[in-house]
């Protein structure tokens, strides 16, 4: 299991498998109270869960151990920002979760 947390959006994605390939989560089912979305694969298995208002709903220990995806990574080897780091790339999380990773 792996957890990613975007504190700026207060959203968490909980991976119940090592990796979710693009298009693998084919069905999204919102929780009755719209606090989470369950992602299902072709076989009806649950590879991941996105949680909204995660700071209120999840234990602080889980959030503290989660990979933070709201922080912008530094260029490798302390390089200055140059042409190769000048464009912004947005990585969307599986199933239109709303979580994104911004990398220079």
N, C-alpha and C. Protein backbone atom coordinates (compact mmCIF):
# COMPACT_ATOMS: atom_id res chain seq x y z
N UNK A 1 0.84 -1.18 0.00
CA UNK A 1 0.00 0.00 0.00
C UNK A 1 0.89 1.24 0.00
N UNK A 2 0.44 2.25 -0.74
CA UNK A 2 1.17 3.51 -0.83
C UNK A 2 0.15 4.63 -0.74
N UNK A 3 0.53 5.72 -0.08
CA UNK A 3 -0.39 6.85 0.11
C UNK A 3 0.28 8.12 -0.39
N UNK A 4 -0.46 8.88 -1.20
CA UNK A 4 -0.01 10.19 -1.66
C UNK A 4 -0.94 11.24 -1.09
N UNK A 5 -0.36 12.33 -0.59
CA UNK A 5 -1.15 13.39 0.04
C UNK A 5 -0.81 14.73 -0.57
N UNK A 6 -1.84 15.44 -1.02
CA UNK A 6 -1.71 16.80 -1.52
C UNK A 6 -2.35 17.71 -0.48
N UNK A 7 -1.52 18.30 0.38
CA UNK A 7 -2.04 19.12 1.47
C UNK A 7 -2.71 20.38 0.96
N UNK A 8 -2.23 20.93 -0.16
CA UNK A 8 -2.83 22.16 -0.68
C UNK A 8 -4.27 21.92 -1.15
N UNK A 9 -4.56 20.71 -1.61
CA UNK A 9 -5.93 20.36 -2.01
C UNK A 9 -6.64 19.56 -0.92
N UNK A 10 -5.90 19.16 0.13
CA UNK A 10 -6.40 18.32 1.22
C UNK A 10 -7.03 17.04 0.69
N UNK A 11 -6.31 16.40 -0.24
CA UNK A 11 -6.77 15.16 -0.86
C UNK A 11 -5.68 14.10 -0.74
N UNK A 12 -6.12 12.86 -0.61
CA UNK A 12 -5.21 11.72 -0.50
C UNK A 12 -5.62 10.66 -1.50
N UNK A 13 -4.62 10.00 -2.10
CA UNK A 13 -4.90 8.82 -2.91
C UNK A 13 -4.21 7.65 -2.25
N UNK A 14 -4.96 6.61 -1.95
CA UNK A 14 -4.44 5.42 -1.30
C UNK A 14 -4.37 4.31 -2.35
N UNK A 15 -3.15 3.91 -2.68
CA UNK A 15 -2.94 2.81 -3.63
C UNK A 15 -2.98 1.50 -2.85
N UNK A 16 -3.86 0.62 -3.23
CA UNK A 16 -3.96 -0.68 -2.59
C UNK A 16 -3.15 -1.74 -3.35
N UNK A 17 -2.59 -1.32 -4.48
CA UNK A 17 -1.71 -2.16 -5.30
C UNK A 17 -0.44 -1.35 -5.56
N UNK A 18 0.60 -2.00 -6.05
CA UNK A 18 1.86 -1.32 -6.30
C UNK A 18 1.73 -0.21 -7.34
N UNK A 19 0.97 -0.48 -8.39
CA UNK A 19 0.89 0.46 -9.51
C UNK A 19 -0.47 0.34 -10.16
N UNK A 20 -1.01 1.48 -10.59
CA UNK A 20 -2.25 1.49 -11.36
C UNK A 20 -1.90 2.04 -12.73
N UNK A 21 -1.99 1.20 -13.74
CA UNK A 21 -1.65 1.61 -15.10
C UNK A 21 -2.73 2.55 -15.64
N UNK A 22 -2.35 3.42 -16.57
CA UNK A 22 -3.36 4.29 -17.18
C UNK A 22 -4.51 3.47 -17.76
N UNK A 23 -5.71 3.87 -17.45
CA UNK A 23 -6.90 3.17 -17.93
C UNK A 23 -7.28 1.92 -17.15
N UNK A 24 -6.49 1.56 -16.16
CA UNK A 24 -6.78 0.35 -15.39
C UNK A 24 -7.96 0.54 -14.44
N UNK A 25 -8.10 1.71 -13.87
CA UNK A 25 -9.25 2.00 -13.01
C UNK A 25 -10.38 2.44 -13.94
N UNK A 26 -11.33 1.54 -14.15
CA UNK A 26 -12.35 1.78 -15.17
C UNK A 26 -13.68 2.24 -14.61
N UNK A 27 -13.85 2.12 -13.30
CA UNK A 27 -15.13 2.53 -12.70
C UNK A 27 -14.85 3.25 -11.39
N UNK A 28 -15.46 4.42 -11.23
CA UNK A 28 -15.30 5.21 -10.02
C UNK A 28 -16.66 5.30 -9.33
N UNK A 29 -16.67 4.95 -8.06
CA UNK A 29 -17.90 4.94 -7.29
C UNK A 29 -17.75 5.88 -6.10
N UNK A 30 -18.50 7.00 -6.11
CA UNK A 30 -18.42 7.92 -4.97
C UNK A 30 -19.04 7.30 -3.72
N UNK A 31 -18.45 7.59 -2.57
CA UNK A 31 -19.06 7.17 -1.31
C UNK A 31 -20.38 7.91 -1.15
N UNK A 32 -21.28 7.36 -0.38
CA UNK A 32 -22.61 7.96 -0.21
C UNK A 32 -22.54 9.41 0.27
N UNK A 33 -21.56 9.71 1.12
CA UNK A 33 -21.45 11.08 1.64
C UNK A 33 -20.46 11.93 0.86
N UNK A 34 -20.03 11.44 -0.31
CA UNK A 34 -19.10 12.14 -1.20
C UNK A 34 -17.77 12.50 -0.53
N UNK A 35 -17.32 11.69 0.41
CA UNK A 35 -16.04 11.94 1.08
C UNK A 35 -14.89 11.20 0.41
N UNK A 36 -15.22 10.25 -0.46
CA UNK A 36 -14.20 9.43 -1.11
C UNK A 36 -14.75 8.89 -2.42
N UNK A 37 -13.82 8.44 -3.26
CA UNK A 37 -14.19 7.77 -4.50
C UNK A 37 -13.42 6.46 -4.55
N UNK A 38 -14.14 5.37 -4.77
CA UNK A 38 -13.53 4.05 -4.89
C UNK A 38 -13.26 3.78 -6.36
N UNK A 39 -12.04 3.44 -6.70
CA UNK A 39 -11.67 3.12 -8.08
C UNK A 39 -11.63 1.60 -8.23
N UNK A 40 -12.34 1.10 -9.24
CA UNK A 40 -12.39 -0.34 -9.51
C UNK A 40 -11.74 -0.65 -10.86
N UNK A 41 -11.12 -1.83 -10.96
CA UNK A 41 -10.54 -2.26 -12.23
C UNK A 41 -11.55 -3.12 -13.01
N UNK A 42 -11.10 -3.66 -14.15
CA UNK A 42 -11.97 -4.46 -15.02
C UNK A 42 -12.57 -5.67 -14.32
N UNK A 43 -11.83 -6.22 -13.36
CA UNK A 43 -12.29 -7.42 -12.65
C UNK A 43 -13.07 -7.13 -11.39
N UNK A 44 -13.39 -5.85 -11.16
CA UNK A 44 -14.16 -5.49 -9.97
C UNK A 44 -13.33 -5.38 -8.71
N UNK A 45 -12.00 -5.40 -8.88
CA UNK A 45 -11.12 -5.24 -7.72
C UNK A 45 -10.88 -3.77 -7.44
N UNK A 46 -10.50 -3.46 -6.22
CA UNK A 46 -10.31 -2.09 -5.76
C UNK A 46 -8.81 -1.77 -5.70
N UNK A 47 -8.25 -1.12 -6.74
CA UNK A 47 -6.83 -0.80 -6.69
C UNK A 47 -6.50 0.49 -5.94
N UNK A 48 -7.51 1.36 -5.74
CA UNK A 48 -7.20 2.61 -5.06
C UNK A 48 -8.43 3.36 -4.60
N UNK A 49 -8.18 4.28 -3.67
CA UNK A 49 -9.25 5.10 -3.08
C UNK A 49 -8.74 6.53 -2.98
N UNK A 50 -9.53 7.49 -3.44
CA UNK A 50 -9.19 8.89 -3.21
C UNK A 50 -10.09 9.42 -2.10
N UNK A 51 -9.50 10.19 -1.22
CA UNK A 51 -10.20 10.70 -0.04
C UNK A 51 -10.16 12.22 -0.06
N UNK A 52 -11.31 12.86 0.04
CA UNK A 52 -11.42 14.31 0.09
C UNK A 52 -11.41 14.76 1.54
N UNK A 53 -10.98 15.99 1.79
CA UNK A 53 -10.85 16.52 3.16
C UNK A 53 -10.07 15.53 4.03
N UNK A 54 -8.95 15.09 3.49
CA UNK A 54 -8.17 14.03 4.12
C UNK A 54 -7.66 14.41 5.50
N UNK A 55 -7.33 15.67 5.71
CA UNK A 55 -6.83 16.11 7.01
C UNK A 55 -7.83 15.89 8.13
N UNK A 56 -9.10 15.89 7.79
CA UNK A 56 -10.16 15.68 8.77
C UNK A 56 -10.54 14.21 8.91
N UNK A 57 -10.33 13.44 7.85
CA UNK A 57 -10.87 12.08 7.81
C UNK A 57 -9.85 10.97 8.09
N UNK A 58 -8.57 11.28 7.89
CA UNK A 58 -7.55 10.24 8.05
C UNK A 58 -6.68 10.53 9.26
N UNK A 59 -6.13 9.48 9.82
CA UNK A 59 -5.29 9.59 11.01
C UNK A 59 -4.03 10.39 10.66
N UNK A 60 -3.60 11.27 11.55
CA UNK A 60 -2.39 12.07 11.30
C UNK A 60 -1.15 11.24 11.02
N UNK A 61 -1.05 10.05 11.62
CA UNK A 61 0.11 9.18 11.36
C UNK A 61 0.15 8.74 9.90
N UNK A 62 -1.02 8.44 9.33
CA UNK A 62 -1.09 8.04 7.93
C UNK A 62 -0.69 9.20 7.03
N UNK A 63 -1.20 10.39 7.32
CA UNK A 63 -0.86 11.56 6.51
C UNK A 63 0.61 11.92 6.66
N UNK A 64 1.15 11.77 7.85
CA UNK A 64 2.56 12.07 8.09
C UNK A 64 3.50 11.15 7.34
N UNK A 65 3.06 9.91 7.13
CA UNK A 65 3.89 8.93 6.41
C UNK A 65 3.65 8.96 4.90
N UNK A 66 2.65 9.69 4.46
CA UNK A 66 2.30 9.73 3.04
C UNK A 66 3.34 10.50 2.23
N UNK A 67 3.45 10.13 0.97
CA UNK A 67 4.30 10.88 0.04
C UNK A 67 3.60 12.20 -0.27
N UNK A 68 4.27 13.31 -0.02
CA UNK A 68 3.69 14.63 -0.29
C UNK A 68 3.86 14.95 -1.76
N UNK A 69 2.75 15.21 -2.43
CA UNK A 69 2.83 15.53 -3.86
C UNK A 69 2.54 16.99 -4.13
N UNK A 70 2.40 17.80 -3.09
CA UNK A 70 2.14 19.22 -3.28
C UNK A 70 3.41 20.05 -3.23
N UNK A 71 4.53 19.42 -3.01
CA UNK A 71 5.81 20.12 -2.96
C UNK A 71 6.48 20.03 -4.33
N UNK A 72 7.03 21.12 -4.78
CA UNK A 72 7.72 21.14 -6.07
C UNK A 72 9.14 20.61 -5.86
N UNK A 73 9.53 19.59 -6.62
CA UNK A 73 10.88 19.04 -6.44
C UNK A 73 11.95 20.02 -6.92
N UNK A 74 13.12 19.92 -6.35
CA UNK A 74 14.24 20.76 -6.77
C UNK A 74 14.88 20.14 -8.00
N UNK A 75 15.54 20.97 -8.82
CA UNK A 75 16.27 20.41 -9.97
C UNK A 75 17.35 19.47 -9.48
N UNK A 76 17.69 18.44 -10.26
CA UNK A 76 18.71 17.48 -9.84
C UNK A 76 20.07 18.14 -9.70
N UNK A 77 20.87 17.66 -8.76
CA UNK A 77 22.25 18.10 -8.54
C UNK A 77 22.38 19.60 -8.31
N UNK A 78 21.35 20.25 -7.78
CA UNK A 78 21.43 21.67 -7.47
C UNK A 78 21.56 22.57 -8.68
N UNK A 79 21.21 22.05 -9.87
CA UNK A 79 21.31 22.85 -11.09
C UNK A 79 20.38 24.05 -11.01
N UNK A 80 20.72 25.09 -11.71
CA UNK A 80 19.82 26.22 -11.80
C UNK A 80 18.72 25.89 -12.79
N UNK A 81 17.61 26.58 -12.67
CA UNK A 81 16.52 26.34 -13.60
C UNK A 81 16.96 26.78 -14.99
N UNK A 82 16.86 25.90 -15.93
CA UNK A 82 17.27 26.21 -17.29
C UNK A 82 16.17 25.81 -18.25
N UNK A 83 16.51 25.72 -19.51
CA UNK A 83 15.52 25.40 -20.54
C UNK A 83 14.86 24.06 -20.26
N UNK A 84 15.63 23.08 -19.80
CA UNK A 84 15.04 21.76 -19.58
C UNK A 84 14.11 21.75 -18.38
N UNK A 85 14.24 22.73 -17.48
CA UNK A 85 13.38 22.80 -16.31
C UNK A 85 12.40 23.96 -16.40
N UNK A 86 12.32 24.62 -17.54
CA UNK A 86 11.50 25.82 -17.64
C UNK A 86 10.02 25.56 -17.82
N UNK A 87 9.64 24.43 -18.37
CA UNK A 87 8.23 24.17 -18.62
C UNK A 87 7.60 23.46 -17.43
N UNK A 88 6.36 23.77 -17.16
CA UNK A 88 5.65 23.12 -16.07
C UNK A 88 4.91 21.90 -16.60
N UNK A 89 5.03 20.80 -15.89
CA UNK A 89 4.34 19.57 -16.25
C UNK A 89 3.40 19.23 -15.12
N UNK A 90 2.17 18.84 -15.45
CA UNK A 90 1.20 18.45 -14.43
C UNK A 90 0.91 16.97 -14.61
N UNK A 91 1.17 16.20 -13.57
CA UNK A 91 0.89 14.76 -13.59
C UNK A 91 -0.46 14.54 -12.94
N UNK A 92 -1.41 13.98 -13.65
CA UNK A 92 -2.73 13.69 -13.10
C UNK A 92 -2.70 12.31 -12.45
N UNK A 93 -3.35 12.21 -11.33
CA UNK A 93 -3.43 10.95 -10.63
C UNK A 93 -4.48 10.08 -11.31
N UNK A 94 -4.51 8.80 -11.03
CA UNK A 94 -5.42 7.88 -11.70
C UNK A 94 -6.88 8.28 -11.55
N UNK A 95 -7.64 7.98 -12.55
CA UNK A 95 -9.09 8.06 -12.51
C UNK A 95 -9.61 9.47 -12.31
N UNK A 96 -8.90 10.47 -12.77
CA UNK A 96 -9.38 11.83 -12.62
C UNK A 96 -9.58 12.20 -11.17
N UNK A 97 -8.66 11.76 -10.33
CA UNK A 97 -8.82 11.96 -8.89
C UNK A 97 -8.78 13.41 -8.46
N UNK A 98 -8.29 14.28 -9.35
CA UNK A 98 -8.15 15.67 -8.96
C UNK A 98 -6.81 15.95 -8.32
N UNK A 99 -6.09 14.90 -7.94
CA UNK A 99 -4.76 15.10 -7.39
C UNK A 99 -3.80 15.33 -8.54
N UNK A 100 -2.88 16.21 -8.40
CA UNK A 100 -1.92 16.45 -9.46
C UNK A 100 -0.55 16.70 -8.88
N UNK A 101 0.44 16.44 -9.67
CA UNK A 101 1.82 16.67 -9.26
C UNK A 101 2.41 17.66 -10.24
N UNK A 102 2.88 18.79 -9.73
CA UNK A 102 3.47 19.81 -10.60
C UNK A 102 4.99 19.68 -10.51
N UNK A 103 5.61 19.53 -11.64
CA UNK A 103 7.06 19.44 -11.71
C UNK A 103 7.58 20.48 -12.68
N UNK A 104 8.64 21.19 -12.30
CA UNK A 104 9.19 22.17 -13.24
C UNK A 104 9.85 21.46 -14.39
